[in-house]
Amino acid sequence: MCLAIPGKILDSRDHDGTRAGRVQFGGIVRQVCLDFVPEAVVGDYVMVHVGFAISRVDTEEAERTYKLLEEMGVLEEELPKLDDEPPGPASAQ
């Protein structure tokens, strides 16, 4: 299953002509392409699908969606922990 997951932009930078940034999903942080959401800035929440931020969402919607996905048990499938990631809280804040 491939879902879009809400995450919070922690930083943004240009990398060889592509806008990328670190996005936090609960206790997990991943590199994400931000080219499709040029209006998004650090601190904004975005919906991420297969490594691409596809839309900006408000904080309440992001938190509600994250909680529903967590309750459904699909986050571990969509966001498996990488070997070098320490365990973290499951909060989307």
PDB file of N, CA and C in Angstrom:
ATOM      1  N   MET A   1       0.851  -1.171   0.000  1.00  0.00           N
ATOM      2  CA  MET A   1       0.000   0.000   0.000  1.00  0.00           C
ATOM      3  C   MET A   1       0.894   1.230   0.000  1.00  0.00           C
ATOM      4  N   CYS A   2       0.568   2.210  -0.781  1.00  0.00           N
ATOM      5  CA  CYS A   2       1.323   3.463  -0.817  1.00  0.00           C
ATOM      6  C   CYS A   2       0.388   4.613  -0.497  1.00  0.00           C
ATOM      7  N   LEU A   3       0.612   5.221   0.642  1.00  0.00           N
ATOM      8  CA  LEU A   3      -0.210   6.341   1.089  1.00  0.00           C
ATOM      9  C   LEU A   3       0.630   7.601   1.170  1.00  0.00           C
ATOM     10  N   ALA A   4      -0.029   8.722   1.119  1.00  0.00           N
ATOM     11  CA  ALA A   4       0.644   9.983   1.421  1.00  0.00           C
ATOM     12  C   ALA A   4       0.588  10.165   2.935  1.00  0.00           C
ATOM     13  N   ILE A   5       1.716  10.484   3.524  1.00  0.00           N
ATOM     14  CA  ILE A   5       1.850  10.611   4.975  1.00  0.00           C
ATOM     15  C   ILE A   5       2.175  12.069   5.302  1.00  0.00           C
ATOM     16  N   PRO A   6       1.492  12.657   6.296  1.00  0.00           N
ATOM     17  CA  PRO A   6       1.820  14.034   6.672  1.00  0.00           C
ATOM     18  C   PRO A   6       3.108  14.105   7.479  1.00  0.00           C
ATOM     19  N   GLY A   7       3.916  15.123   7.180  1.00  0.00           N
ATOM     20  CA  GLY A   7       5.148  15.336   7.922  1.00  0.00           C
ATOM     21  C   GLY A   7       5.465  16.821   7.997  1.00  0.00           C
ATOM     22  N   LYS A   8       6.319  17.167   8.934  1.00  0.00           N
ATOM     23  CA  LYS A   8       6.682  18.566   9.177  1.00  0.00           C
ATOM     24  C   LYS A   8       8.057  18.850   8.582  1.00  0.00           C
ATOM     25  N   ILE A   9       8.153  19.936   7.808  1.00  0.00           N
ATOM     26  CA  ILE A   9       9.425  20.320   7.193  1.00  0.00           C
ATOM     27  C   ILE A   9      10.352  20.885   8.266  1.00  0.00           C
ATOM     28  N   LEU A  10      11.522  20.264   8.406  1.00  0.00           N
ATOM     29  CA  LEU A  10      12.511  20.716   9.379  1.00  0.00           C
ATOM     30  C   LEU A  10      13.532  21.662   8.767  1.00  0.00           C
ATOM     31  N   ASP A  11      13.889  21.438   7.500  1.00  0.00           N
ATOM     32  CA  ASP A  11      14.797  22.341   6.801  1.00  0.00           C
ATOM     33  C   ASP A  11      14.572  22.201   5.308  1.00  0.00           C
ATOM     34  N   SER A  12      15.116  23.159   4.573  1.00  0.00           N
ATOM     35  CA  SER A  12      14.950  23.192   3.120  1.00  0.00           C
ATOM     36  C   SER A  12      16.217  23.737   2.501  1.00  0.00           C
ATOM     37  N   ARG A  13      16.632  23.127   1.375  1.00  0.00           N
ATOM     38  CA  ARG A  13      17.831  23.606   0.695  1.00  0.00           C
ATOM     39  C   ARG A  13      17.777  23.212  -0.776  1.00  0.00           C
ATOM     40  N   ASP A  14      18.578  23.870  -1.571  1.00  0.00           N
ATOM     41  CA  ASP A  14      18.689  23.547  -2.987  1.00  0.00           C
ATOM     42  C   ASP A  14      19.849  22.572  -3.153  1.00  0.00           C
ATOM     43  N   HIS A  15      19.593  21.468  -3.851  1.00  0.00           N
ATOM     44  CA  HIS A  15      20.620  20.461  -4.081  1.00  0.00           C
ATOM     45  C   HIS A  15      20.653  20.146  -5.574  1.00  0.00           C
ATOM     46  N   ASP A  16      21.620  20.717  -6.271  1.00  0.00           N
ATOM     47  CA  ASP A  16      21.764  20.516  -7.719  1.00  0.00           C
ATOM     48  C   ASP A  16      20.492  20.864  -8.484  1.00  0.00           C
ATOM     49  N   GLY A  17      19.872  21.984  -8.132  1.00  0.00           N
ATOM     50  CA  GLY A  17      18.684  22.443  -8.837  1.00  0.00           C
ATOM     51  C   GLY A  17      17.380  21.835  -8.364  1.00  0.00           C
ATOM     52  N   THR A  18      17.439  20.976  -7.366  1.00  0.00           N
ATOM     53  CA  THR A  18      16.241  20.367  -6.801  1.00  0.00           C
ATOM     54  C   THR A  18      16.084  20.841  -5.363  1.00  0.00           C
ATOM     55  N   ARG A  19      14.889  21.274  -5.013  1.00  0.00           N
ATOM     56  CA  ARG A  19      14.628  21.697  -3.635  1.00  0.00           C
ATOM     57  C   ARG A  19      14.320  20.459  -2.810  1.00  0.00           C
ATOM     58  N   ALA A  20      15.094  20.264  -1.754  1.00  0.00           N
ATOM     59  CA  ALA A  20      14.933  19.104  -0.883  1.00  0.00           C
ATOM     60  C   ALA A  20      14.947  19.561   0.563  1.00  0.00           C
ATOM     61  N   GLY A  21      14.505  18.697   1.430  1.00  0.00           N
ATOM     62  CA  GLY A  21      14.526  19.022   2.846  1.00  0.00           C
ATOM     63  C   GLY A  21      14.325  17.798   3.703  1.00  0.00           C
ATOM     64  N   ARG A  22      14.571  17.994   4.989  1.00  0.00           N
ATOM     65  CA  ARG A  22      14.300  16.919   5.948  1.00  0.00           C
ATOM     66  C   ARG A  22      12.890  17.121   6.463  1.00  0.00           C
ATOM     67  N   VAL A  23      12.111  16.033   6.458  1.00  0.00           N
ATOM     68  CA  VAL A  23      10.729  16.079   6.917  1.00  0.00           C
ATOM     69  C   VAL A  23      10.564  15.054   8.031  1.00  0.00           C
ATOM     70  N   GLN A  24       9.894  15.477   9.108  1.00  0.00           N
ATOM     71  CA  GLN A  24       9.699  14.630  10.276  1.00  0.00           C
ATOM     72  C   GLN A  24       8.313  14.005  10.263  1.00  0.00           C
ATOM     73  N   PHE A  25       8.291  12.685  10.428  1.00  0.00           N
ATOM     74  CA  PHE A  25       7.053  11.912  10.540  1.00  0.00           C
ATOM     75  C   PHE A  25       7.078  11.263  11.913  1.00  0.00           C
ATOM     76  N   GLY A  26       6.490  11.901  12.900  1.00  0.00           N
ATOM     77  CA  GLY A  26       6.597  11.372  14.260  1.00  0.00           C
ATOM     78  C   GLY A  26       8.056  11.392  14.660  1.00  0.00           C
ATOM     79  N   GLY A  27       8.606  10.237  15.010  1.00  0.00           N
ATOM     80  CA  GLY A  27      10.012  10.144  15.407  1.00  0.00           C
ATOM     81  C   GLY A  27      10.951   9.815  14.268  1.00  0.00           C
ATOM     82  N   ILE A  28      10.459   9.792  13.043  1.00  0.00           N
ATOM     83  CA  ILE A  28      11.266   9.437  11.882  1.00  0.00           C
ATOM     84  C   ILE A  28      11.494  10.679  11.034  1.00  0.00           C
ATOM     85  N   VAL A  29      12.728  10.847  10.545  1.00  0.00           N
ATOM     86  CA  VAL A  29      13.062  11.971   9.678  1.00  0.00           C
ATOM     87  C   VAL A  29      13.591  11.404   8.368  1.00  0.00           C
ATOM     88  N   ARG A  30      13.062  11.911   7.257  1.00  0.00           N
ATOM     89  CA  ARG A  30      13.478  11.448   5.931  1.00  0.00           C
ATOM     90  C   ARG A  30      13.754  12.635   5.021  1.00  0.00           C
ATOM     91  N   GLN A  31      14.602  12.403   4.020  1.00  0.00           N
ATOM     92  CA  GLN A  31      14.848  13.390   2.973  1.00  0.00           C
ATOM     93  C   GLN A  31      13.681  13.347   1.990  1.00  0.00           C
ATOM     94  N   VAL A  32      13.182  14.507   1.606  1.00  0.00           N
ATOM     95  CA  VAL A  32      12.008  14.598   0.740  1.00  0.00           C
ATOM     96  C   VAL A  32      12.246  15.663  -0.322  1.00  0.00           C
ATOM     97  N   CYS A  33      11.779  15.406  -1.527  1.00  0.00           N
ATOM     98  CA  CYS A  33      11.813  16.406  -2.588  1.00  0.00           C
ATOM     99  C   CYS A  33      10.659  17.385  -2.351  1.00  0.00           C
ATOM    100  N   LEU A  34      10.963  18.674  -2.350  1.00  0.00           N
ATOM    101  CA  LEU A  34       9.968  19.712  -2.082  1.00  0.00           C
ATOM    102  C   LEU A  34       9.591  20.517  -3.326  1.00  0.00           C
ATOM    103  N   ASP A  35      10.017  20.089  -4.490  1.00  0.00           N
ATOM    104  CA  ASP A  35       9.778  20.849  -5.720  1.00  0.00           C
ATOM    105  C   ASP A  35       8.299  21.059  -6.039  1.00  0.00           C
ATOM    106  N   PHE A  36       7.434  20.120  -5.662  1.00  0.00           N
ATOM    107  CA  PHE A  36       6.011  20.229  -5.998  1.00  0.00           C
ATOM    108  C   PHE A  36       5.231  21.140  -5.057  1.00  0.00           C
ATOM    109  N   VAL A  37       5.879  21.616  -4.006  1.00  0.00           N
ATOM    110  CA  VAL A  37       5.232  22.524  -3.049  1.00  0.00           C
ATOM    111  C   VAL A  37       6.119  23.752  -2.817  1.00  0.00           C
ATOM    112  N   PRO A  38       6.279  24.573  -3.854  1.00  0.00           N
ATOM    113  CA  PRO A  38       7.194  25.718  -3.730  1.00  0.00           C
ATOM    114  C   PRO A  38       6.787  26.713  -2.648  1.00  0.00           C
ATOM    115  N   GLU A  39       5.503  26.713  -2.279  1.00  0.00           N
ATOM    116  CA  GLU A  39       5.017  27.638  -1.252  1.00  0.00           C
ATOM    117  C   GLU A  39       5.318  27.163   0.175  1.00  0.00           C
ATOM    118  N   ALA A  40       5.698  25.906   0.338  1.00  0.00           N
ATOM    119  CA  ALA A  40       5.939  25.337   1.667  1.00  0.00           C
ATOM    120  C   ALA A  40       7.269  25.834   2.230  1.00  0.00           C
ATOM    121  N   VAL A  41       7.259  26.144   3.529  1.00  0.00           N
ATOM    122  CA  VAL A  41       8.445  26.638   4.220  1.00  0.00           C
ATOM    123  C   VAL A  41       8.690  25.787   5.460  1.00  0.00           C
ATOM    124  N   VAL A  42       9.853  25.978   6.064  1.00  0.00           N
ATOM    125  CA  VAL A  42      10.199  25.272   7.297  1.00  0.00           C
ATOM    126  C   VAL A  42       9.096  25.488   8.321  1.00  0.00           C
ATOM    127  N   GLY A  43       8.654  24.405   8.950  1.00  0.00           N
ATOM    128  CA  GLY A  43       7.583  24.465   9.946  1.00  0.00           C
ATOM    129  C   GLY A  43       6.231  24.068   9.382  1.00  0.00           C
ATOM    130  N   ASP A  44       6.084  24.110   8.046  1.00  0.00           N
ATOM    131  CA  ASP A  44       4.824  23.694   7.419  1.00  0.00           C
ATOM    132  C   ASP A  44       4.710  22.173   7.425  1.00  0.00           C
ATOM    133  N   TYR A  45       3.481  21.710   7.349  1.00  0.00           N
ATOM    134  CA  TYR A  45       3.203  20.283   7.181  1.00  0.00           C
ATOM    135  C   TYR A  45       2.881  20.032   5.719  1.00  0.00           C
ATOM    136  N   VAL A  46       3.407  18.918   5.202  1.00  0.00           N
ATOM    137  CA  VAL A  46       3.162  18.525   3.826  1.00  0.00           C
ATOM    138  C   VAL A  46       2.764  17.056   3.785  1.00  0.00           C
ATOM    139  N   MET A  47       2.016  16.697   2.745  1.00  0.00           N
ATOM    140  CA  MET A  47       1.691  15.293   2.496  1.00  0.00           C
ATOM    141  C   MET A  47       2.785  14.747   1.597  1.00  0.00           C
ATOM    142  N   VAL A  48       3.388  13.625   1.997  1.00  0.00           N
ATOM    143  CA  VAL A  48       4.516  13.051   1.270  1.00  0.00           C
ATOM    144  C   VAL A  48       4.131  11.679   0.732  1.00  0.00           C
ATOM    145  N   HIS A  49       4.398  11.492  -0.560  1.00  0.00           N
ATOM    146  CA  HIS A  49       4.135  10.218  -1.221  1.00  0.00           C
ATOM    147  C   HIS A  49       5.401   9.796  -1.958  1.00  0.00           C
ATOM    148  N   VAL A  50       5.904   8.627  -1.653  1.00  0.00           N
ATOM    149  CA  VAL A  50       7.125   8.046  -2.224  1.00  0.00           C
ATOM    150  C   VAL A  50       8.280   9.049  -2.343  1.00  0.00           C
ATOM    151  N   GLY A  51       8.495   9.817  -1.290  1.00  0.00           N
ATOM    152  CA  GLY A  51       9.625  10.730  -1.242  1.00  0.00           C
ATOM    153  C   GLY A  51       9.408  12.111  -1.818  1.00  0.00           C
ATOM    154  N   PHE A  52       8.180  12.400  -2.255  1.00  0.00           N
ATOM    155  CA  PHE A  52       7.854  13.709  -2.822  1.00  0.00           C
ATOM    156  C   PHE A  52       6.741  14.360  -2.014  1.00  0.00           C
ATOM    157  N   ALA A  53       6.959  15.591  -1.585  1.00  0.00           N
ATOM    158  CA  ALA A  53       5.888  16.357  -0.954  1.00  0.00           C
ATOM    159  C   ALA A  53       4.934  16.765  -2.068  1.00  0.00           C
ATOM    160  N   ILE A  54       3.658  16.420  -1.923  1.00  0.00           N
ATOM    161  CA  ILE A  54       2.704  16.659  -3.009  1.00  0.00           C
ATOM    162  C   ILE A  54       1.688  17.749  -2.700  1.00  0.00           C
ATOM    163  N   SER A  55       1.543  18.116  -1.424  1.00  0.00           N
ATOM    164  CA  SER A  55       0.639  19.209  -1.069  1.00  0.00           C
ATOM    165  C   SER A  55       0.961  19.688   0.339  1.00  0.00           C
ATOM    166  N   ARG A  56       0.551  20.902   0.609  1.00  0.00           N
ATOM    167  CA  ARG A  56       0.695  21.481   1.939  1.00  0.00           C
ATOM    168  C   ARG A  56      -0.618  21.288   2.676  1.00  0.00           C
ATOM    169  N   VAL A  57      -0.560  20.994   3.975  1.00  0.00           N
ATOM    170  CA  VAL A  57      -1.768  20.846   4.788  1.00  0.00           C
ATOM    171  C   VAL A  57      -1.587  21.614   6.083  1.00  0.00           C
ATOM    172  N   ASP A  58      -2.717  22.003   6.695  1.00  0.00           N
ATOM    173  CA  ASP A  58      -2.604  22.719   7.959  1.00  0.00           C
ATOM    174  C   ASP A  58      -2.285  21.735   9.091  1.00  0.00           C
ATOM    175  N   THR A  59      -1.832  22.270  10.188  1.00  0.00           N
ATOM    176  CA  THR A  59      -1.371  21.467  11.317  1.00  0.00           C
ATOM    177  C   THR A  59      -2.440  20.513  11.817  1.00  0.00           C
ATOM    178  N   GLU A  60      -3.671  20.999  11.960  1.00  0.00           N
ATOM    179  CA  GLU A  60      -4.750  20.156  12.494  1.00  0.00           C
ATOM    180  C   GLU A  60      -5.031  18.965  11.575  1.00  0.00           C
ATOM    181  N   GLU A  61      -5.070  19.224  10.270  1.00  0.00           N
ATOM    182  CA  GLU A  61      -5.314  18.144   9.313  1.00  0.00           C
ATOM    183  C   GLU A  61      -4.171  17.138   9.326  1.00  0.00           C
ATOM    184  N   ALA A  62      -2.939  17.616   9.398  1.00  0.00           N
ATOM    185  CA  ALA A  62      -1.778  16.721   9.442  1.00  0.00           C
ATOM    186  C   ALA A  62      -1.831  15.836  10.675  1.00  0.00           C
ATOM    187  N   GLU A  63      -2.110  16.424  11.829  1.00  0.00           N
ATOM    188  CA  GLU A  63      -2.151  15.648  13.072  1.00  0.00           C
ATOM    189  C   GLU A  63      -3.300  14.640  13.065  1.00  0.00           C
ATOM    190  N   ARG A  64      -4.459  15.055  12.547  1.00  0.00           N
ATOM    191  CA  ARG A  64      -5.612  14.154  12.473  1.00  0.00           C
ATOM    192  C   ARG A  64      -5.308  12.971  11.539  1.00  0.00           C
ATOM    193  N   THR A  65      -4.741  13.256  10.388  1.00  0.00           N
ATOM    194  CA  THR A  65      -4.422  12.206   9.421  1.00  0.00           C
ATOM    195  C   THR A  65      -3.366  11.256   9.977  1.00  0.00           C
ATOM    196  N   TYR A  66      -2.318  11.798  10.583  1.00  0.00           N
ATOM    197  CA  TYR A  66      -1.258  10.973  11.155  1.00  0.00           C
ATOM    198  C   TYR A  66      -1.820  10.037  12.226  1.00  0.00           C
ATOM    199  N   LYS A  67      -2.678  10.583  13.073  1.00  0.00           N
ATOM    200  CA  LYS A  67      -3.274   9.772  14.145  1.00  0.00           C
ATOM    201  C   LYS A  67      -4.127   8.643  13.561  1.00  0.00           C
ATOM    202  N   LEU A  68      -4.924   8.934  12.544  1.00  0.00           N
ATOM    203  CA  LEU A  68      -5.744   7.896  11.911  1.00  0.00           C
ATOM    204  C   LEU A  68      -4.873   6.801  11.292  1.00  0.00           C
ATOM    205  N   LEU A  69      -3.816   7.197  10.598  1.00  0.00           N
ATOM    206  CA  LEU A  69      -2.923   6.207   9.993  1.00  0.00           C
ATOM    207  C   LEU A  69      -2.238   5.359  11.055  1.00  0.00           C
ATOM    208  N   GLU A  70      -1.885   5.990  12.161  1.00  0.00           N
ATOM    209  CA  GLU A  70      -1.255   5.280  13.271  1.00  0.00           C
ATOM    210  C   GLU A  70      -2.238   4.270  13.874  1.00  0.00           C
ATOM    211  N   GLU A  71      -3.488   4.690  14.082  1.00  0.00           N
ATOM    212  CA  GLU A  71      -4.507   3.795  14.632  1.00  0.00           C
ATOM    213  C   GLU A  71      -4.798   2.620  13.700  1.00  0.00           C
ATOM    214  N   MET A  72      -4.714   2.863  12.387  1.00  0.00           N
ATOM    215  CA  MET A  72      -4.943   1.802  11.406  1.00  0.00           C
ATOM    216  C   MET A  72      -3.765   0.840  11.325  1.00  0.00           C
ATOM    217  N   GLY A  73      -2.633   1.217  11.886  1.00  0.00           N
ATOM    218  CA  GLY A  73      -1.460   0.355  11.882  1.00  0.00           C
ATOM    219  C   GLY A  73      -0.695   0.336  10.571  1.00  0.00           C
ATOM    220  N   VAL A  74      -0.844   1.359   9.745  1.00  0.00           N
ATOM    221  CA  VAL A  74      -0.176   1.361   8.451  1.00  0.00           C
ATOM    222  C   VAL A  74       1.125   2.154   8.430  1.00  0.00           C
ATOM    223  N   LEU A  75       1.421   2.886   9.485  1.00  0.00           N
ATOM    224  CA  LEU A  75       2.627   3.716   9.469  1.00  0.00           C
ATOM    225  C   LEU A  75       3.902   2.889   9.436  1.00  0.00           C
ATOM    226  N   GLU A  76       3.943   1.768  10.128  1.00  0.00           N
ATOM    227  CA  GLU A  76       5.156   0.952  10.125  1.00  0.00           C
ATOM    228  C   GLU A  76       5.423   0.381   8.736  1.00  0.00           C
ATOM    229  N   GLU A  77       4.359   0.098   8.003  1.00  0.00           N
ATOM    230  CA  GLU A  77       4.511  -0.400   6.629  1.00  0.00           C
ATOM    231  C   GLU A  77       4.991   0.715   5.702  1.00  0.00           C
ATOM    232  N   GLU A  78       4.435   1.906   5.864  1.00  0.00           N
ATOM    233  CA  GLU A  78       4.767   3.026   4.996  1.00  0.00           C
ATOM    234  C   GLU A  78       6.072   3.709   5.388  1.00  0.00           C
ATOM    235  N   LEU A  79       6.397   3.706   6.675  1.00  0.00           N
ATOM    236  CA  LEU A  79       7.596   4.377   7.170  1.00  0.00           C
ATOM    237  C   LEU A  79       8.428   3.425   8.025  1.00  0.00           C
ATOM    238  N   PRO A  80       8.960   2.362   7.441  1.00  0.00           N
ATOM    239  CA  PRO A  80       9.760   1.454   8.256  1.00  0.00           C
ATOM    240  C   PRO A  80      10.999   2.163   8.778  1.00  0.00           C
ATOM    241  N   LYS A  81      11.402   1.828   9.981  1.00  0.00           N
ATOM    242  CA  LYS A  81      12.606   2.420  10.551  1.00  0.00           C
ATOM    243  C   LYS A  81      13.810   1.913   9.783  1.00  0.00           C
ATOM    244  N   LEU A  82      14.754   2.810   9.539  1.00  0.00           N
ATOM    245  CA  LEU A  82      16.007   2.425   8.914  1.00  0.00           C
ATOM    246  C   LEU A  82      16.943   1.931  10.007  1.00  0.00           C
ATOM    247  N   ASP A  83      17.919   1.126   9.645  1.00  0.00           N
ATOM    248  CA  ASP A  83      18.835   0.556  10.631  1.00  0.00           C
ATOM    249  C   ASP A  83      19.558   1.600  11.467  1.00  0.00           C
ATOM    250  N   ASP A  84      19.834   2.777  10.877  1.00  0.00           N
ATOM    251  CA  ASP A  84      20.600   3.785  11.604  1.00  0.00           C
ATOM    252  C   ASP A  84      19.712   4.808  12.320  1.00  0.00           C
ATOM    253  N   GLU A  85      18.386   4.592  12.360  1.00  0.00           N
ATOM    254  CA  GLU A  85      17.487   5.532  13.029  1.00  0.00           C
ATOM    255  C   GLU A  85      17.218   5.067  14.457  1.00  0.00           C
ATOM    256  N   PRO A  86      17.433   5.953  15.424  1.00  0.00           N
ATOM    257  CA  PRO A  86      17.092   5.602  16.796  1.00  0.00           C
ATOM    258  C   PRO A  86      15.573   5.629  16.964  1.00  0.00           C
ATOM    259  N   PRO A  87      15.032   4.858  17.896  1.00  0.00           N
ATOM    260  CA  PRO A  87      13.588   4.921  18.128  1.00  0.00           C
ATOM    261  C   PRO A  87      13.214   6.304  18.625  1.00  0.00           C
ATOM    262  N   GLY A  88      12.029   6.762  18.262  1.00  0.00           N
ATOM    263  CA  GLY A  88      11.589   8.096  18.672  1.00  0.00           C
ATOM    264  C   GLY A  88      10.123   8.080  19.017  1.00  0.00           C
ATOM    265  N   PRO A  89       9.614   9.200  19.539  1.00  0.00           N
ATOM    266  CA  PRO A  89       8.200   9.267  19.896  1.00  0.00           C
ATOM    267  C   PRO A  89       7.321   9.238  18.655  1.00  0.00           C
ATOM    268  N   ALA A  90       6.116   8.783  18.798  1.00  0.00           N
ATOM    269  CA  ALA A  90       5.181   8.696  17.668  1.00  0.00           C
ATOM    270  C   ALA A  90       4.303   9.926  17.585  1.00  0.00           C
ATOM    271  N   SER A  91       4.807  11.048  18.018  1.00  0.00           N
ATOM    272  CA  SER A  91       4.044  12.297  17.974  1.00  0.00           C
ATOM    273  C   SER A  91       4.362  13.065  16.715  1.00  0.00           C
ATOM    274  N   ALA A  92       3.331  13.628  16.077  1.00  0.00           N
ATOM    275  CA  ALA A  92       3.537  14.388  14.838  1.00  0.00           C
ATOM    276  C   ALA A  92       3.845  15.853  15.120  1.00  0.00           C
ATOM    277  N   GLN A  93       4.182  16.194  16.347  1.00  0.00           N
ATOM    278  CA  GLN A  93       4.417  17.599  16.675  1.00  0.00           C
ATOM    279  C   GLN A  93       5.830  17.982  16.498  1.00  0.00           C
TER     280      GLN A  93
END
